[in-house]
C-alpha atoms as a PDB file:
ATOM      1  CA  MET A   1      -0.049  -0.108   0.088  1.00  0.00           C
ATOM      2  CA  MET A   2       1.353   3.488  -0.782  1.00  0.00           C
ATOM      3  CA  SER A   3       1.983   5.912   2.050  1.00  0.00           C
ATOM      4  CA  LEU A   4       0.006   8.748   2.310  1.00  0.00           C
ATOM      5  CA  ASP A   5       3.278  11.190   1.650  1.00  0.00           C
ATOM      6  CA  SER A   6       3.426   9.469  -1.585  1.00  0.00           C
ATOM      7  CA  GLU A   7      -0.185   9.932  -2.699  1.00  0.00           C
ATOM      8  CA  LYS A   8      -1.275  13.048  -4.630  1.00  0.00           C
ATOM      9  CA  CYS A   9      -5.090  14.524  -4.242  1.00  0.00           C
ATOM     10  CA  GLU A  10      -7.594  14.299  -6.763  1.00  0.00           C
ATOM     11  CA  ALA A  11      -9.981  16.713  -7.668  1.00  0.00           C
ATOM     12  CA  CYS A  12     -12.775  17.220  -5.058  1.00  0.00           C
ATOM     13  CA  ARG A  13     -16.457  18.988  -5.852  1.00  0.00           C
ATOM     14  CA  GLY A  14     -19.067  19.508  -3.381  1.00  0.00           C
ATOM     15  CA  ASP A  15     -21.046  15.880  -4.377  1.00  0.00           C
ATOM     16  CA  VAL A  16     -18.014  13.700  -2.953  1.00  0.00           C
ATOM     17  CA  PRO A  17     -18.500  12.322   0.374  1.00  0.00           C
ATOM     18  CA  LYS A  18     -16.692  13.039   3.671  1.00  0.00           C
ATOM     19  CA  VAL A  19     -14.456  10.088   5.249  1.00  0.00           C
ATOM     20  CA  SER A  20     -16.269   7.294   7.133  1.00  0.00           C
ATOM     21  CA  ASP A  21     -15.904   7.056  10.890  1.00  0.00           C
ATOM     22  CA  ASP A  22     -13.868   3.667   9.582  1.00  0.00           C
ATOM     23  CA  GLU A  23     -11.994   5.438   7.391  1.00  0.00           C
ATOM     24  CA  LEU A  24     -11.536   8.348   9.737  1.00  0.00           C
ATOM     25  CA  LYS A  25     -10.044   5.643  12.283  1.00  0.00           C
ATOM     26  CA  GLU A  26      -7.631   3.919   9.731  1.00  0.00           C
ATOM     27  CA  LEU A  27      -6.344   7.008   8.152  1.00  0.00           C
ATOM     28  CA  MET A  28      -5.333   8.148  11.828  1.00  0.00           C
ATOM     29  CA  ARG A  29      -3.189   5.523  12.078  1.00  0.00           C
ATOM     30  CA  GLU A  30      -0.874   7.187   9.413  1.00  0.00           C
ATOM     31  CA  ILE A  31      -0.538  10.506  11.047  1.00  0.00           C
ATOM     32  CA  PRO A  32      -0.616  10.173  14.836  1.00  0.00           C
ATOM     33  CA  GLU A  33       0.469  13.630  15.905  1.00  0.00           C
ATOM     34  CA  TRP A  34      -2.161  15.206  14.163  1.00  0.00           C
ATOM     35  CA  THR A  35      -5.811  15.685  15.903  1.00  0.00           C
ATOM     36  CA  PRO A  36      -9.136  15.967  14.612  1.00  0.00           C
ATOM     37  CA  ILE A  37     -10.836  19.040  15.883  1.00  0.00           C
ATOM     38  CA  THR A  38     -14.870  19.998  14.818  1.00  0.00           C
ATOM     39  CA  ARG A  39     -14.837  24.191  14.334  1.00  0.00           C
ATOM     40  CA  ASP A  40     -18.183  25.312  13.462  1.00  0.00           C
ATOM     41  CA  GLY A  41     -19.724  21.660  13.044  1.00  0.00           C
ATOM     42  CA  VAL A  42     -16.660  21.124  10.301  1.00  0.00           C
ATOM     43  CA  MET A  43     -14.093  18.462  11.041  1.00  0.00           C
ATOM     44  CA  MET A  44     -10.639  19.493  10.222  1.00  0.00           C
ATOM     45  CA  LEU A  45      -7.392  18.065  11.221  1.00  0.00           C
ATOM     46  CA  GLN A  46      -4.862  19.837  13.011  1.00  0.00           C
ATOM     47  CA  ARG A  47      -1.305  19.810  14.422  1.00  0.00           C
ATOM     48  CA  GLU A  48       0.677  22.707  16.131  1.00  0.00           C
ATOM     49  CA  TYR A  49       4.636  22.360  15.270  1.00  0.00           C
ATOM     50  CA  THR A  50       7.269  23.940  17.252  1.00  0.00           C
ATOM     51  CA  PHE A  51      10.599  25.769  16.275  1.00  0.00           C
ATOM     52  CA  LYS A  52      13.158  27.758  17.999  1.00  0.00           C
ATOM     53  CA  ASN A  53      12.662  30.991  16.084  1.00  0.00           C
ATOM     54  CA  PHE A  54      10.213  32.746  13.841  1.00  0.00           C
ATOM     55  CA  ARG A  55      12.407  32.446  11.223  1.00  0.00           C
ATOM     56  CA  GLN A  56      12.205  28.268  11.438  1.00  0.00           C
ATOM     57  CA  ALA A  57       8.519  28.960  12.048  1.00  0.00           C
ATOM     58  CA  LEU A  58       7.984  31.117   9.100  1.00  0.00           C
ATOM     59  CA  ALA A  59      10.571  29.140   6.415  1.00  0.00           C
ATOM     60  CA  PHE A  60       8.529  25.889   7.340  1.00  0.00           C
ATOM     61  CA  THR A  61       5.368  27.731   6.470  1.00  0.00           C
ATOM     62  CA  ASN A  62       6.562  28.911   3.191  1.00  0.00           C
ATOM     63  CA  ARG A  63       7.555  25.067   2.597  1.00  0.00           C
ATOM     64  CA  VAL A  64       3.905  23.891   3.303  1.00  0.00           C
ATOM     65  CA  GLY A  65       2.217  27.020   1.351  1.00  0.00           C
ATOM     66  CA  GLU A  66       4.669  25.486  -1.959  1.00  0.00           C
ATOM     67  CA  ILE A  67       3.325  21.644  -0.928  1.00  0.00           C
ATOM     68  CA  ALA A  68       0.333  23.703  -1.038  1.00  0.00           C
ATOM     69  CA  GLU A  69       0.101  25.044  -4.365  1.00  0.00           C
ATOM     70  CA  GLN A  70       1.252  22.142  -5.901  1.00  0.00           C
ATOM     71  CA  GLU A  71      -1.566  19.832  -4.838  1.00  0.00           C
ATOM     72  CA  LYS A  72      -4.256  23.124  -5.452  1.00  0.00           C
ATOM     73  CA  HIS A  73      -5.034  22.186  -1.763  1.00  0.00           C
ATOM     74  CA  HIS A  74      -5.078  24.902   0.832  1.00  0.00           C
ATOM     75  CA  PRO A  75      -4.645  24.885   4.438  1.00  0.00           C
ATOM     76  CA  GLU A  76      -5.072  27.548   7.226  1.00  0.00           C
ATOM     77  CA  ILE A  77      -2.001  28.251   8.484  1.00  0.00           C
ATOM     78  CA  THR A  78      -1.096  30.201  11.876  1.00  0.00           C
ATOM     79  CA  THR A  79       2.354  31.153  12.162  1.00  0.00           C
ATOM     80  CA  GLU A  80       3.483  32.855  15.761  1.00  0.00           C
ATOM     81  CA  TRP A  81       7.117  33.019  17.066  1.00  0.00           C
ATOM     82  CA  GLY A  82       8.487  29.553  17.389  1.00  0.00           C
ATOM     83  CA  LYS A  83       4.971  28.054  16.321  1.00  0.00           C
ATOM     84  CA  THR A  84       3.151  27.527  13.561  1.00  0.00           C
ATOM     85  CA  THR A  85      -0.566  25.681  13.599  1.00  0.00           C
ATOM     86  CA  VAL A  86      -1.539  24.149  10.478  1.00  0.00           C
ATOM     87  CA  THR A  87      -5.234  23.393  10.099  1.00  0.00           C
ATOM     88  CA  TRP A  88      -6.463  20.853   6.705  1.00  0.00           C
ATOM     89  CA  TRP A  89     -10.078  20.607   5.761  1.00  0.00           C
ATOM     90  CA  THR A  90     -11.890  19.987   2.628  1.00  0.00           C
ATOM     91  CA  HIS A  91     -14.020  23.305   1.946  1.00  0.00           C
ATOM     92  CA  ALA A  92     -16.266  22.242  -0.557  1.00  0.00           C
ATOM     93  CA  ILE A  93     -17.402  19.063   1.571  1.00  0.00           C
ATOM     94  CA  ASP A  94     -17.606  21.201   4.760  1.00  0.00           C
ATOM     95  CA  GLY A  95     -15.167  17.848   6.356  1.00  0.00           C
ATOM     96  CA  LEU A  96     -12.934  15.892   5.601  1.00  0.00           C
ATOM     97  CA  HIS A  97     -11.626  14.390   2.678  1.00  0.00           C
ATOM     98  CA  ARG A  98      -8.717  11.773   1.802  1.00  0.00           C
ATOM     99  CA  ASN A  99      -6.783  14.943   0.669  1.00  0.00           C
ATOM    100  CA  ASP A 100      -7.080  16.097   3.627  1.00  0.00           C
ATOM    101  CA  PHE A 101      -4.667  13.220   5.098  1.00  0.00           C
ATOM    102  CA  ILE A 102      -2.276  13.241   2.059  1.00  0.00           C
ATOM    103  CA  MET A 103      -1.675  16.786   2.556  1.00  0.00           C
ATOM    104  CA  ALA A 104      -1.000  16.143   6.628  1.00  0.00           C
ATOM    105  CA  ALA A 105       1.357  13.490   6.078  1.00  0.00           C
ATOM    106  CA  LYS A 106       3.328  15.293   3.391  1.00  0.00           C
ATOM    107  CA  THR A 107       3.359  18.592   5.798  1.00  0.00           C
ATOM    108  CA  ASP A 108       4.694  16.073   7.939  1.00  0.00           C
ATOM    109  CA  LYS A 109       7.161  14.882   5.515  1.00  0.00           C
ATOM    110  CA  VAL A 110       8.338  18.719   5.103  1.00  0.00           C
ATOM    111  CA  LEU A 111       9.414  18.895   8.557  1.00  0.00           C
ATOM    112  CA  ASP A 112      11.264  15.657   8.253  1.00  0.00           C
ATOM    113  CA  GLU A 113      13.155  16.998   5.319  1.00  0.00           C
ATOM    114  CA  ASP A 114      13.773  20.574   6.861  1.00  0.00           C
ATOM    115  CA  SER A 115      14.967  18.027  10.203  1.00  0.00           C
ATOM    116  CA  ALA A 116      17.692  16.140   8.396  1.00  0.00           C
END
């Protein structure tokens, strides 16, 4: 089975189904550092990354922005001194799609590459 971080996002329309509870459990195993949250009735994936300073947090934010552009799937990103919070969800369906898990895994890979 292909790892999530090597998959590509698929075009998503408003009529595609959200991930099921079973799919959520299965996919969360691949991104254990992420937390499913619900905001305004919309389920999302969120993770906070910590850094030594603002410059590192901003560099990470920019790298995440680059992969978001490549995949045409964009997160909410909050960058602060020593911290970046990334939140993924699919706006077209007001919830979680497999694309969000793919992008969460790709976000983790950015961190791994930056740490190498």
